Amino acid sequence: MEEQEVPALEPFRVEQAPPLIYYVPDFISKEEDEYLLRQVFNAPKPKWTQLSGRRLQNWAS
């Protein structure tokens, strides 16, 4: 993967959200998105934690 310059975040701030929310379009490629989704959905069941109305995977090292 080639290194890219990181733009200033201020232009990407979401105004109708808490102050630390940013939306950066095309931050990852379509291929990266598909890869990440495959990794999440193919994770073994013990990797998931059930929370109230949602599921969580912790991928921290």
N, C-alpha and C. Protein backbone atom coordinates (compact mmCIF):
# COMPACT_ATOMS: atom_id res chain seq x y z
N MET A 1 0.84 -1.17 0.00
CA MET A 1 0.00 0.00 0.00
C MET A 1 0.89 1.24 0.00
N GLU A 2 0.61 2.17 -0.86
CA GLU A 2 1.47 3.35 -0.93
C GLU A 2 1.05 4.40 0.11
N GLU A 3 2.03 5.12 0.61
CA GLU A 3 1.79 6.14 1.63
C GLU A 3 1.16 7.37 0.99
N GLN A 4 0.16 7.94 1.68
CA GLN A 4 -0.52 9.12 1.17
C GLN A 4 -0.46 10.23 2.21
N GLU A 5 -0.50 11.46 1.74
CA GLU A 5 -0.52 12.60 2.64
C GLU A 5 -1.89 12.68 3.31
N VAL A 6 -1.91 12.95 4.61
CA VAL A 6 -3.17 13.05 5.35
C VAL A 6 -3.66 14.49 5.30
N PRO A 7 -4.88 14.72 4.80
CA PRO A 7 -5.41 16.08 4.73
C PRO A 7 -5.83 16.57 6.11
N ALA A 8 -5.97 17.89 6.26
CA ALA A 8 -6.49 18.45 7.50
C ALA A 8 -7.91 17.94 7.70
N LEU A 9 -8.29 17.64 8.92
CA LEU A 9 -9.60 17.05 9.18
C LEU A 9 -10.75 18.06 9.21
N GLU A 10 -10.47 19.30 9.50
CA GLU A 10 -11.54 20.28 9.70
C GLU A 10 -12.57 20.31 8.56
N PRO A 11 -12.17 20.24 7.29
CA PRO A 11 -13.19 20.25 6.22
C PRO A 11 -14.12 19.04 6.25
N PHE A 12 -13.75 18.00 7.00
CA PHE A 12 -14.54 16.77 7.04
C PHE A 12 -15.41 16.65 8.29
N ARG A 13 -15.44 17.70 9.11
CA ARG A 13 -16.24 17.67 10.33
C ARG A 13 -17.72 17.58 9.97
N VAL A 14 -18.46 16.72 10.70
CA VAL A 14 -19.91 16.60 10.51
C VAL A 14 -20.57 17.60 11.45
N GLU A 15 -21.20 18.61 10.88
CA GLU A 15 -21.71 19.73 11.69
C GLU A 15 -22.86 19.37 12.61
N GLN A 16 -23.72 18.45 12.22
CA GLN A 16 -24.88 18.10 13.04
C GLN A 16 -24.60 16.92 13.96
N ALA A 17 -23.35 16.77 14.37
CA ALA A 17 -22.95 15.65 15.22
C ALA A 17 -22.02 16.16 16.32
N PRO A 18 -21.69 15.31 17.30
CA PRO A 18 -20.72 15.73 18.32
C PRO A 18 -19.43 16.23 17.67
N PRO A 19 -18.68 17.10 18.35
CA PRO A 19 -17.54 17.78 17.73
C PRO A 19 -16.39 16.90 17.25
N LEU A 20 -16.33 15.65 17.63
CA LEU A 20 -15.23 14.79 17.19
C LEU A 20 -15.63 13.82 16.08
N ILE A 21 -16.73 14.09 15.39
CA ILE A 21 -17.20 13.22 14.32
C ILE A 21 -16.79 13.80 12.98
N TYR A 22 -16.13 12.97 12.17
CA TYR A 22 -15.67 13.38 10.84
C TYR A 22 -16.13 12.34 9.82
N TYR A 23 -16.41 12.79 8.62
CA TYR A 23 -16.71 11.88 7.52
C TYR A 23 -15.72 12.18 6.40
N VAL A 24 -14.89 11.20 6.08
CA VAL A 24 -13.88 11.36 5.04
C VAL A 24 -14.27 10.42 3.89
N PRO A 25 -14.86 10.97 2.82
CA PRO A 25 -15.26 10.11 1.70
C PRO A 25 -14.04 9.44 1.06
N ASP A 26 -14.24 8.22 0.62
CA ASP A 26 -13.19 7.45 -0.05
C ASP A 26 -11.94 7.27 0.81
N PHE A 27 -12.12 7.19 2.14
CA PHE A 27 -10.98 7.00 3.04
C PHE A 27 -10.31 5.65 2.79
N ILE A 28 -11.13 4.65 2.49
CA ILE A 28 -10.59 3.35 2.09
C ILE A 28 -11.15 3.00 0.72
N SER A 29 -10.45 2.14 0.02
CA SER A 29 -10.89 1.74 -1.31
C SER A 29 -12.03 0.72 -1.20
N LYS A 30 -12.71 0.48 -2.30
CA LYS A 30 -13.78 -0.52 -2.34
C LYS A 30 -13.22 -1.89 -1.96
N GLU A 31 -12.02 -2.21 -2.44
CA GLU A 31 -11.40 -3.50 -2.13
C GLU A 31 -11.10 -3.63 -0.63
N GLU A 32 -10.59 -2.55 -0.02
CA GLU A 32 -10.32 -2.57 1.42
C GLU A 32 -11.62 -2.74 2.21
N ASP A 33 -12.67 -2.05 1.79
CA ASP A 33 -13.97 -2.15 2.43
C ASP A 33 -14.49 -3.59 2.38
N GLU A 34 -14.42 -4.20 1.22
CA GLU A 34 -14.88 -5.58 1.06
C GLU A 34 -14.06 -6.54 1.91
N TYR A 35 -12.75 -6.33 1.96
CA TYR A 35 -11.87 -7.17 2.78
C TYR A 35 -12.25 -7.06 4.26
N LEU A 36 -12.43 -5.83 4.75
CA LEU A 36 -12.78 -5.64 6.16
C LEU A 36 -14.12 -6.28 6.50
N LEU A 37 -15.11 -6.12 5.63
CA LEU A 37 -16.42 -6.74 5.88
C LEU A 37 -16.31 -8.26 5.91
N ARG A 38 -15.52 -8.84 5.01
CA ARG A 38 -15.32 -10.30 5.02
C ARG A 38 -14.70 -10.75 6.33
N GLN A 39 -13.69 -10.00 6.81
CA GLN A 39 -13.03 -10.35 8.06
C GLN A 39 -14.01 -10.32 9.23
N VAL A 40 -14.86 -9.30 9.27
CA VAL A 40 -15.83 -9.17 10.35
C VAL A 40 -16.84 -10.31 10.31
N PHE A 41 -17.44 -10.54 9.15
CA PHE A 41 -18.50 -11.54 9.06
C PHE A 41 -18.00 -12.98 9.11
N ASN A 42 -16.73 -13.20 8.82
CA ASN A 42 -16.16 -14.55 8.89
C ASN A 42 -15.53 -14.87 10.24
N ALA A 43 -15.59 -13.93 11.17
CA ALA A 43 -14.99 -14.15 12.49
C ALA A 43 -15.73 -15.27 13.22
N PRO A 44 -15.01 -16.10 13.96
CA PRO A 44 -15.67 -17.18 14.70
C PRO A 44 -16.63 -16.62 15.76
N LYS A 45 -17.67 -17.38 16.05
CA LYS A 45 -18.70 -16.94 16.99
C LYS A 45 -18.14 -16.48 18.34
N PRO A 46 -17.13 -17.15 18.94
CA PRO A 46 -16.61 -16.69 20.23
C PRO A 46 -16.00 -15.28 20.18
N LYS A 47 -15.69 -14.79 18.99
CA LYS A 47 -15.11 -13.45 18.86
C LYS A 47 -16.17 -12.36 19.10
N TRP A 48 -17.46 -12.72 19.01
CA TRP A 48 -18.56 -11.77 19.16
C TRP A 48 -19.00 -11.67 20.61
N THR A 49 -19.34 -10.45 21.05
CA THR A 49 -19.95 -10.20 22.36
C THR A 49 -21.34 -9.62 22.11
N GLN A 50 -22.37 -10.22 22.73
CA GLN A 50 -23.73 -9.69 22.58
C GLN A 50 -23.92 -8.54 23.55
N LEU A 51 -24.37 -7.41 23.04
CA LEU A 51 -24.73 -6.26 23.87
C LEU A 51 -26.21 -6.00 23.63
N SER A 52 -26.77 -5.03 24.31
CA SER A 52 -28.21 -4.77 24.16
C SER A 52 -28.54 -4.37 22.72
N GLY A 53 -29.08 -5.32 21.96
CA GLY A 53 -29.52 -5.05 20.59
C GLY A 53 -28.41 -4.94 19.56
N ARG A 54 -27.19 -5.30 19.89
CA ARG A 54 -26.10 -5.23 18.91
C ARG A 54 -25.02 -6.24 19.26
N ARG A 55 -24.08 -6.41 18.36
CA ARG A 55 -22.95 -7.32 18.59
C ARG A 55 -21.66 -6.53 18.49
N LEU A 56 -20.63 -6.99 19.18
CA LEU A 56 -19.35 -6.30 19.23
C LEU A 56 -18.23 -7.29 19.01
N GLN A 57 -17.23 -6.88 18.24
CA GLN A 57 -15.98 -7.63 18.12
C GLN A 57 -14.86 -6.72 18.58
N ASN A 58 -14.00 -7.22 19.45
CA ASN A 58 -12.85 -6.45 19.90
C ASN A 58 -11.61 -7.00 19.20
N TRP A 59 -10.99 -6.19 18.35
CA TRP A 59 -9.82 -6.63 17.59
C TRP A 59 -8.53 -6.02 18.13
N ALA A 60 -8.58 -5.46 19.33
CA ALA A 60 -7.37 -4.88 19.91
C ALA A 60 -6.36 -5.99 20.20
N SER A 61 -5.09 -5.62 20.16
CA SER A 61 -4.06 -6.63 20.42
C SER A 61 -3.85 -6.85 21.89
